[in-house]
């Protein structure tokens, strides 16, 4: 069992969100759904907690009501091996009310922040040629969804 688990507070969409998230990543699944009983806190039979895994990592999602909402102070960062993966995740997570942000950040329709990061970005930023790395940083700062070809063009000068 994983010692530390990310716990996400939703209003009423925990199961819906878990279904979306598990559809996006390999090695993902809904593990269990805990429903409210007669003693509450919600309507009997309604979803209270969803346990799910994304790429093998466990998460818990609670339907806790509108008391707490997500902020950009916490985000899920996704290492993407290709532009195709970046594009697919970006499109799926911004669909139906999600919001693109800057520098590879976005909010999904539930308000959860994600960083969709092509693996090539940290590779280019860590290059010993600091002038090239700074050109990459400048290019990235002007993007919403990260474009690998544009990063590599900036690196090349």
N, C-alpha and C. Protein backbone atom coordinates (compact mmCIF):
# COMPACT_ATOMS: atom_id res chain seq x y z
N UNK A 1 0.84 -1.19 0.00
CA UNK A 1 0.00 0.00 0.00
C UNK A 1 0.88 1.25 0.00
N UNK A 2 0.46 2.23 -0.74
CA UNK A 2 1.15 3.51 -0.83
C UNK A 2 1.04 4.24 0.51
N UNK A 3 2.14 4.75 1.04
CA UNK A 3 2.14 5.39 2.36
C UNK A 3 1.46 6.76 2.34
N UNK A 4 1.69 7.53 1.29
CA UNK A 4 1.11 8.87 1.19
C UNK A 4 0.22 8.90 -0.05
N UNK A 5 -1.01 9.35 0.14
CA UNK A 5 -1.98 9.36 -0.95
C UNK A 5 -2.55 10.76 -1.11
N UNK A 6 -2.63 11.23 -2.33
CA UNK A 6 -3.24 12.52 -2.62
C UNK A 6 -4.75 12.39 -2.45
N UNK A 7 -5.33 13.33 -1.72
CA UNK A 7 -6.75 13.33 -1.40
C UNK A 7 -7.36 14.57 -2.04
N UNK A 8 -8.35 14.39 -2.89
CA UNK A 8 -8.96 15.49 -3.64
C UNK A 8 -10.39 15.72 -3.16
N UNK A 9 -10.74 16.96 -2.89
CA UNK A 9 -12.06 17.34 -2.38
C UNK A 9 -12.88 17.89 -3.54
N UNK A 10 -13.97 17.24 -3.83
CA UNK A 10 -14.91 17.70 -4.86
C UNK A 10 -16.21 18.10 -4.20
N UNK A 11 -17.04 18.83 -4.91
CA UNK A 11 -18.37 19.16 -4.43
C UNK A 11 -19.22 17.89 -4.49
N UNK A 12 -19.56 17.46 -5.71
CA UNK A 12 -20.37 16.25 -5.90
C UNK A 12 -19.87 15.37 -7.04
N UNK A 13 -18.72 15.73 -7.65
CA UNK A 13 -18.28 15.08 -8.89
C UNK A 13 -17.13 14.10 -8.72
N UNK A 14 -16.89 13.57 -7.56
CA UNK A 14 -15.72 12.71 -7.33
C UNK A 14 -15.71 11.51 -8.27
N UNK A 15 -16.82 10.82 -8.41
CA UNK A 15 -16.85 9.64 -9.26
C UNK A 15 -16.70 10.01 -10.74
N UNK A 16 -17.37 11.06 -11.16
CA UNK A 16 -17.25 11.54 -12.55
C UNK A 16 -15.81 11.91 -12.87
N UNK A 17 -15.17 12.64 -11.96
CA UNK A 17 -13.78 13.04 -12.17
C UNK A 17 -12.87 11.82 -12.23
N UNK A 18 -13.05 10.88 -11.31
CA UNK A 18 -12.22 9.67 -11.30
C UNK A 18 -12.39 8.89 -12.60
N UNK A 19 -13.60 8.83 -13.12
CA UNK A 19 -13.83 8.14 -14.39
C UNK A 19 -13.09 8.83 -15.53
N UNK A 20 -13.14 10.17 -15.56
CA UNK A 20 -12.40 10.90 -16.59
C UNK A 20 -10.90 10.66 -16.45
N UNK A 21 -10.37 10.86 -15.27
CA UNK A 21 -8.93 10.75 -15.06
C UNK A 21 -8.42 9.35 -15.39
N UNK A 22 -9.14 8.32 -14.98
CA UNK A 22 -8.68 6.96 -15.25
C UNK A 22 -8.77 6.61 -16.73
N UNK A 23 -9.60 7.33 -17.48
CA UNK A 23 -9.69 7.08 -18.93
C UNK A 23 -8.50 7.67 -19.67
N UNK A 24 -7.73 8.54 -19.03
CA UNK A 24 -6.65 9.27 -19.70
C UNK A 24 -5.29 8.58 -19.64
N UNK A 25 -5.07 7.73 -18.66
CA UNK A 25 -3.74 7.19 -18.42
C UNK A 25 -3.76 5.67 -18.38
N UNK A 26 -2.72 5.07 -18.97
CA UNK A 26 -2.54 3.62 -18.85
C UNK A 26 -2.32 3.27 -17.39
N UNK A 27 -2.55 2.01 -17.06
CA UNK A 27 -2.36 1.50 -15.70
C UNK A 27 -3.18 2.32 -14.70
N UNK A 28 -4.44 2.60 -15.07
CA UNK A 28 -5.33 3.39 -14.22
C UNK A 28 -6.65 2.66 -14.05
N UNK A 29 -7.25 2.85 -12.89
CA UNK A 29 -8.52 2.17 -12.64
C UNK A 29 -9.20 2.75 -11.41
N UNK A 30 -10.50 2.57 -11.34
CA UNK A 30 -11.23 2.87 -10.12
C UNK A 30 -11.14 1.63 -9.24
N UNK A 31 -10.65 1.80 -8.03
CA UNK A 31 -10.42 0.70 -7.11
C UNK A 31 -11.69 0.41 -6.31
N UNK A 32 -12.31 1.45 -5.78
CA UNK A 32 -13.51 1.26 -4.97
C UNK A 32 -14.32 2.54 -4.90
N UNK A 33 -15.59 2.38 -4.62
CA UNK A 33 -16.50 3.50 -4.41
C UNK A 33 -17.22 3.26 -3.09
N UNK A 34 -17.07 4.21 -2.17
CA UNK A 34 -17.75 4.13 -0.88
C UNK A 34 -18.99 5.02 -0.94
N UNK A 35 -20.11 4.47 -0.60
CA UNK A 35 -21.37 5.22 -0.66
C UNK A 35 -21.85 5.58 0.75
N UNK A 36 -22.61 6.64 0.82
CA UNK A 36 -23.20 7.06 2.09
C UNK A 36 -24.27 6.08 2.52
N UNK A 37 -24.31 5.81 3.81
CA UNK A 37 -25.36 4.98 4.39
C UNK A 37 -26.46 5.85 4.97
N UNK A 38 -27.32 5.24 5.72
CA UNK A 38 -28.43 5.97 6.34
C UNK A 38 -27.95 7.06 7.29
N UNK A 39 -26.77 6.88 7.87
CA UNK A 39 -26.26 7.85 8.83
C UNK A 39 -25.55 9.05 8.22
N UNK A 40 -25.55 9.16 6.88
CA UNK A 40 -24.96 10.32 6.21
C UNK A 40 -23.47 10.24 6.08
N UNK A 41 -22.81 11.29 5.73
CA UNK A 41 -23.27 12.66 5.75
C UNK A 41 -24.12 13.07 4.55
N UNK A 42 -24.08 12.32 3.46
CA UNK A 42 -24.87 12.68 2.28
C UNK A 42 -26.10 11.81 2.17
N UNK A 43 -26.77 11.94 1.04
CA UNK A 43 -27.96 11.14 0.78
C UNK A 43 -27.58 9.66 0.75
N UNK A 44 -28.37 8.79 1.35
CA UNK A 44 -28.07 7.36 1.31
C UNK A 44 -27.91 6.88 -0.14
N UNK A 45 -26.82 6.14 -0.36
CA UNK A 45 -26.54 5.61 -1.70
C UNK A 45 -25.69 6.52 -2.56
N UNK A 46 -25.58 7.80 -2.19
CA UNK A 46 -24.75 8.72 -2.99
C UNK A 46 -23.27 8.45 -2.71
N UNK A 47 -22.42 8.82 -3.65
CA UNK A 47 -20.98 8.57 -3.53
C UNK A 47 -20.37 9.48 -2.47
N UNK A 48 -19.60 8.88 -1.57
CA UNK A 48 -18.85 9.64 -0.58
C UNK A 48 -17.38 9.72 -0.98
N UNK A 49 -16.73 8.56 -1.18
CA UNK A 49 -15.30 8.52 -1.49
C UNK A 49 -15.06 7.56 -2.65
N UNK A 50 -14.19 7.98 -3.56
CA UNK A 50 -13.76 7.12 -4.66
C UNK A 50 -12.25 6.93 -4.52
N UNK A 51 -11.82 5.69 -4.50
CA UNK A 51 -10.40 5.37 -4.53
C UNK A 51 -10.07 4.98 -5.96
N UNK A 52 -9.03 5.60 -6.51
CA UNK A 52 -8.64 5.29 -7.89
C UNK A 52 -7.14 5.38 -8.05
N UNK A 53 -6.65 4.81 -9.14
CA UNK A 53 -5.22 4.84 -9.45
C UNK A 53 -5.02 5.48 -10.81
N UNK A 54 -4.02 6.33 -10.89
CA UNK A 54 -3.58 6.94 -12.15
C UNK A 54 -2.14 6.53 -12.37
N UNK A 55 -1.89 5.85 -13.48
CA UNK A 55 -0.55 5.37 -13.80
C UNK A 55 0.06 4.66 -12.59
N UNK A 56 -0.77 3.87 -11.90
CA UNK A 56 -0.31 3.08 -10.77
C UNK A 56 -0.24 3.81 -9.44
N UNK A 57 -0.52 5.12 -9.41
CA UNK A 57 -0.47 5.88 -8.16
C UNK A 57 -1.88 6.06 -7.61
N UNK A 58 -2.05 5.84 -6.32
CA UNK A 58 -3.36 5.88 -5.70
C UNK A 58 -3.78 7.31 -5.35
N UNK A 59 -5.08 7.58 -5.51
CA UNK A 59 -5.71 8.84 -5.14
C UNK A 59 -7.02 8.54 -4.45
N UNK A 60 -7.47 9.46 -3.64
CA UNK A 60 -8.80 9.41 -3.05
C UNK A 60 -9.54 10.68 -3.43
N UNK A 61 -10.82 10.55 -3.76
CA UNK A 61 -11.65 11.69 -4.10
C UNK A 61 -12.88 11.67 -3.20
N UNK A 62 -13.16 12.79 -2.57
CA UNK A 62 -14.26 12.92 -1.63
C UNK A 62 -15.31 13.86 -2.20
N UNK A 63 -16.56 13.49 -2.09
CA UNK A 63 -17.65 14.43 -2.33
C UNK A 63 -17.94 15.12 -1.01
N UNK A 64 -17.28 16.24 -0.78
CA UNK A 64 -17.37 16.94 0.49
C UNK A 64 -18.24 18.18 0.47
N UNK A 65 -18.82 18.48 -0.69
CA UNK A 65 -19.64 19.68 -0.80
C UNK A 65 -18.82 20.87 -1.23
N UNK A 66 -19.47 22.03 -1.35
CA UNK A 66 -18.82 23.22 -1.91
C UNK A 66 -17.94 24.00 -0.93
N UNK A 67 -17.66 23.44 0.23
CA UNK A 67 -16.92 24.16 1.27
C UNK A 67 -15.51 24.52 0.82
N UNK A 68 -14.81 23.59 0.16
CA UNK A 68 -13.43 23.83 -0.28
C UNK A 68 -13.34 23.67 -1.79
N UNK A 69 -12.49 24.46 -2.40
CA UNK A 69 -12.27 24.37 -3.84
C UNK A 69 -10.78 24.26 -4.12
N UNK A 70 -10.45 23.82 -5.32
CA UNK A 70 -9.05 23.69 -5.73
C UNK A 70 -8.46 25.06 -6.02
N UNK A 71 -7.14 25.18 -5.82
CA UNK A 71 -6.40 26.37 -6.25
C UNK A 71 -5.16 25.89 -7.01
N UNK A 72 -4.50 26.82 -7.66
CA UNK A 72 -3.28 26.51 -8.40
C UNK A 72 -2.11 26.18 -7.47
N UNK A 73 -2.30 26.36 -6.16
CA UNK A 73 -1.22 26.07 -5.22
C UNK A 73 -0.86 24.58 -5.23
N UNK A 74 -1.77 23.74 -5.69
CA UNK A 74 -1.52 22.32 -5.84
C UNK A 74 -1.92 21.92 -7.25
N UNK A 75 -1.05 21.18 -7.93
CA UNK A 75 -1.37 20.73 -9.28
C UNK A 75 -0.80 19.32 -9.48
N UNK A 76 -1.32 18.64 -10.48
CA UNK A 76 -0.79 17.34 -10.86
C UNK A 76 0.05 17.56 -12.11
N UNK A 77 1.31 17.18 -12.04
CA UNK A 77 2.24 17.36 -13.15
C UNK A 77 2.38 16.04 -13.89
N UNK A 78 2.23 16.10 -15.22
CA UNK A 78 2.27 14.89 -16.04
C UNK A 78 3.47 14.96 -16.98
N UNK A 79 4.34 13.96 -16.90
CA UNK A 79 5.49 13.82 -17.78
C UNK A 79 5.00 13.19 -19.09
N UNK A 80 5.10 13.93 -20.19
CA UNK A 80 4.61 13.46 -21.49
C UNK A 80 5.77 13.15 -22.42
N UNK A 81 5.74 11.98 -23.03
CA UNK A 81 6.83 11.54 -23.89
C UNK A 81 6.77 12.08 -25.30
N UNK A 82 5.65 12.71 -25.70
CA UNK A 82 5.52 13.17 -27.09
C UNK A 82 4.56 14.35 -27.16
N UNK A 83 4.62 15.05 -28.29
CA UNK A 83 3.68 16.15 -28.53
C UNK A 83 2.26 15.59 -28.64
N UNK A 84 2.14 14.42 -29.21
CA UNK A 84 0.81 13.80 -29.33
C UNK A 84 0.19 13.59 -27.95
N UNK A 85 0.98 13.12 -26.99
CA UNK A 85 0.46 12.93 -25.64
C UNK A 85 0.09 14.27 -25.01
N UNK A 86 0.92 15.28 -25.19
CA UNK A 86 0.61 16.62 -24.69
C UNK A 86 -0.72 17.08 -25.28
N UNK A 87 -0.86 16.98 -26.59
CA UNK A 87 -2.07 17.45 -27.27
C UNK A 87 -3.31 16.72 -26.78
N UNK A 88 -3.23 15.40 -26.66
CA UNK A 88 -4.37 14.60 -26.24
C UNK A 88 -4.81 14.95 -24.82
N UNK A 89 -3.85 15.01 -23.90
CA UNK A 89 -4.19 15.33 -22.51
C UNK A 89 -4.73 16.76 -22.40
N UNK A 90 -4.10 17.68 -23.10
CA UNK A 90 -4.53 19.08 -23.07
C UNK A 90 -5.98 19.18 -23.55
N UNK A 91 -6.26 18.55 -24.67
CA UNK A 91 -7.61 18.62 -25.24
C UNK A 91 -8.64 17.98 -24.32
N UNK A 92 -8.33 16.83 -23.77
CA UNK A 92 -9.30 16.12 -22.91
C UNK A 92 -9.52 16.85 -21.59
N UNK A 93 -8.45 17.41 -21.02
CA UNK A 93 -8.59 18.06 -19.71
C UNK A 93 -9.18 19.47 -19.80
N UNK A 94 -9.06 20.12 -20.94
CA UNK A 94 -9.67 21.45 -21.08
C UNK A 94 -11.07 21.37 -21.68
N UNK A 95 -11.51 20.18 -22.09
CA UNK A 95 -12.83 20.02 -22.69
C UNK A 95 -13.94 20.29 -21.67
N UNK A 96 -15.07 20.67 -22.17
CA UNK A 96 -16.30 20.79 -21.36
C UNK A 96 -16.17 21.73 -20.17
N UNK A 97 -15.46 22.83 -20.35
CA UNK A 97 -15.37 23.81 -19.27
C UNK A 97 -14.02 23.95 -18.62
N UNK A 98 -13.03 23.15 -19.05
CA UNK A 98 -11.68 23.34 -18.53
C UNK A 98 -11.10 24.64 -19.08
N UNK A 99 -10.01 25.10 -18.50
CA UNK A 99 -9.41 26.38 -18.90
C UNK A 99 -7.92 26.24 -19.15
N UNK A 100 -7.46 26.62 -20.35
CA UNK A 100 -6.02 26.64 -20.57
C UNK A 100 -5.38 27.74 -19.74
N UNK A 101 -4.19 27.47 -19.25
CA UNK A 101 -3.42 28.47 -18.53
C UNK A 101 -2.16 28.76 -19.31
N UNK A 102 -1.16 29.25 -18.64
CA UNK A 102 0.10 29.55 -19.31
C UNK A 102 1.15 28.53 -18.91
N UNK A 103 2.17 28.41 -19.74
CA UNK A 103 3.35 27.60 -19.45
C UNK A 103 3.04 26.13 -19.20
N UNK A 104 2.04 25.59 -19.91
CA UNK A 104 1.70 24.19 -19.78
C UNK A 104 0.72 23.86 -18.67
N UNK A 105 0.22 24.88 -17.97
CA UNK A 105 -0.75 24.67 -16.90
C UNK A 105 -2.16 24.78 -17.46
N UNK A 106 -3.08 24.05 -16.86
CA UNK A 106 -4.49 24.17 -17.19
C UNK A 106 -5.32 23.80 -15.98
N UNK A 107 -6.59 24.14 -16.02
CA UNK A 107 -7.55 23.68 -15.03
C UNK A 107 -8.56 22.82 -15.76
N UNK A 108 -8.88 21.66 -15.19
CA UNK A 108 -9.92 20.84 -15.79
C UNK A 108 -11.29 21.40 -15.38
N UNK A 109 -12.35 20.79 -15.87
CA UNK A 109 -13.69 21.32 -15.62
C UNK A 109 -14.10 21.27 -14.15
N UNK A 110 -13.35 20.56 -13.33
CA UNK A 110 -13.62 20.50 -11.89
C UNK A 110 -12.81 21.54 -11.12
N UNK A 111 -11.90 22.23 -11.81
CA UNK A 111 -11.07 23.24 -11.17
C UNK A 111 -9.71 22.75 -10.72
N UNK A 112 -9.41 21.45 -10.93
CA UNK A 112 -8.12 20.89 -10.54
C UNK A 112 -7.05 21.34 -11.56
N UNK A 113 -5.93 21.81 -11.06
CA UNK A 113 -4.84 22.28 -11.92
C UNK A 113 -3.92 21.13 -12.31
N UNK A 114 -3.50 21.17 -13.55
CA UNK A 114 -2.59 20.17 -14.12
C UNK A 114 -1.46 20.91 -14.82
N UNK A 115 -0.28 20.29 -14.81
CA UNK A 115 0.84 20.74 -15.63
C UNK A 115 1.10 19.63 -16.65
N UNK A 116 0.94 19.95 -17.91
CA UNK A 116 1.13 18.99 -18.99
C UNK A 116 2.48 19.31 -19.61
N UNK A 117 3.50 18.52 -19.24
CA UNK A 117 4.89 18.87 -19.52
C UNK A 117 5.54 17.84 -20.44
N UNK A 118 5.91 18.27 -21.65
CA UNK A 118 6.68 17.34 -22.49
C UNK A 118 8.06 17.10 -21.87
N UNK A 119 8.48 15.87 -21.87
CA UNK A 119 9.77 15.48 -21.28
C UNK A 119 10.90 16.33 -21.86
N UNK A 120 10.75 16.76 -23.09
CA UNK A 120 11.80 17.53 -23.76
C UNK A 120 12.05 18.87 -23.08
N UNK A 121 11.05 19.46 -22.46
CA UNK A 121 11.22 20.78 -21.82
C UNK A 121 12.28 20.76 -20.73
N UNK A 122 12.18 19.92 -19.71
CA UNK A 122 13.24 19.94 -18.69
C UNK A 122 14.60 19.52 -19.24
N UNK A 123 14.62 18.68 -20.27
CA UNK A 123 15.90 18.32 -20.89
C UNK A 123 16.57 19.55 -21.49
N UNK A 124 15.79 20.35 -22.22
CA UNK A 124 16.35 21.56 -22.85
C UNK A 124 16.72 22.61 -21.81
N UNK A 125 15.90 22.75 -20.77
CA UNK A 125 16.18 23.75 -19.74
C UNK A 125 17.42 23.39 -18.92
N UNK A 126 17.75 22.11 -18.85
CA UNK A 126 18.92 21.67 -18.08
C UNK A 126 20.20 21.63 -18.91
N UNK A 127 20.11 22.03 -20.17
CA UNK A 127 21.28 21.98 -21.04
C UNK A 127 22.37 22.90 -20.49
N UNK A 128 23.65 22.48 -20.57
CA UNK A 128 24.74 23.32 -20.07
C UNK A 128 24.90 24.64 -20.84
N UNK A 129 24.40 24.70 -22.06
CA UNK A 129 24.44 25.96 -22.83
C UNK A 129 23.35 26.87 -22.28
N UNK A 130 23.73 27.75 -21.35
CA UNK A 130 22.75 28.59 -20.65
C UNK A 130 22.03 29.57 -21.57
N UNK A 131 22.68 30.03 -22.61
CA UNK A 131 22.00 30.93 -23.56
C UNK A 131 20.89 30.20 -24.27
N UNK A 132 21.15 28.97 -24.71
CA UNK A 132 20.12 28.17 -25.38
C UNK A 132 19.00 27.84 -24.40
N UNK A 133 19.35 27.48 -23.18
CA UNK A 133 18.33 27.16 -22.17
C UNK A 133 17.45 28.37 -21.88
N UNK A 134 18.05 29.56 -21.83
CA UNK A 134 17.27 30.77 -21.59
C UNK A 134 16.34 31.09 -22.77
N UNK A 135 16.76 30.79 -23.99
CA UNK A 135 15.86 30.97 -25.15
C UNK A 135 14.66 30.02 -25.03
N UNK A 136 14.92 28.81 -24.58
CA UNK A 136 13.84 27.84 -24.37
C UNK A 136 12.88 28.36 -23.29
N UNK A 137 13.43 28.85 -22.20
CA UNK A 137 12.60 29.40 -21.13
C UNK A 137 11.73 30.55 -21.66
N UNK A 138 12.32 31.44 -22.43
CA UNK A 138 11.57 32.56 -23.00
C UNK A 138 10.45 32.08 -23.91
N UNK A 139 10.72 31.07 -24.71
CA UNK A 139 9.69 30.53 -25.59
C UNK A 139 8.57 29.90 -24.76
N UNK A 140 8.92 29.12 -23.75
CA UNK A 140 7.93 28.46 -22.92
C UNK A 140 7.04 29.48 -22.21
N UNK A 141 7.62 30.57 -21.74
CA UNK A 141 6.85 31.58 -21.02
C UNK A 141 5.78 32.23 -21.90
N UNK A 142 5.94 32.16 -23.21
CA UNK A 142 4.95 32.73 -24.13
C UNK A 142 3.90 31.74 -24.59
N UNK A 143 3.93 30.52 -24.08
CA UNK A 143 3.01 29.47 -24.54
C UNK A 143 1.92 29.22 -23.51
N UNK A 144 0.82 28.68 -24.02
CA UNK A 144 -0.15 28.03 -23.14
C UNK A 144 0.20 26.55 -23.18
N UNK A 145 -0.31 25.82 -24.16
CA UNK A 145 0.09 24.41 -24.33
C UNK A 145 1.51 24.40 -24.86
N UNK A 146 2.37 23.59 -24.28
CA UNK A 146 3.78 23.54 -24.67
C UNK A 146 3.91 22.84 -26.02
N UNK A 147 4.67 23.48 -26.91
CA UNK A 147 4.91 22.97 -28.26
C UNK A 147 6.40 22.60 -28.38
N UNK A 148 6.67 21.32 -28.51
CA UNK A 148 8.05 20.84 -28.54
C UNK A 148 8.84 21.44 -29.70
N UNK A 149 8.25 21.49 -30.87
CA UNK A 149 8.98 22.03 -32.04
C UNK A 149 9.39 23.47 -31.81
N UNK A 150 8.53 24.26 -31.19
CA UNK A 150 8.87 25.66 -30.91
C UNK A 150 9.98 25.76 -29.85
N UNK A 151 9.96 24.86 -28.88
CA UNK A 151 11.03 24.84 -27.87
C UNK A 151 12.37 24.52 -28.54
N UNK A 152 12.37 23.52 -29.42
CA UNK A 152 13.59 23.11 -30.09
C UNK A 152 14.08 24.20 -31.05
N UNK A 153 13.17 24.91 -31.69
CA UNK A 153 13.55 26.03 -32.55
C UNK A 153 14.21 27.14 -31.72
N UNK A 154 13.65 27.42 -30.56
CA UNK A 154 14.24 28.43 -29.68
C UNK A 154 15.62 27.98 -29.21
N UNK A 155 15.75 26.72 -28.89
CA UNK A 155 17.04 26.18 -28.45
C UNK A 155 18.09 26.35 -29.54
N UNK A 156 17.71 26.07 -30.79
CA UNK A 156 18.63 26.16 -31.92
C UNK A 156 19.01 27.61 -32.24
N UNK A 157 18.20 28.53 -31.78
CA UNK A 157 18.51 29.94 -31.99
C UNK A 157 17.92 30.44 -33.25
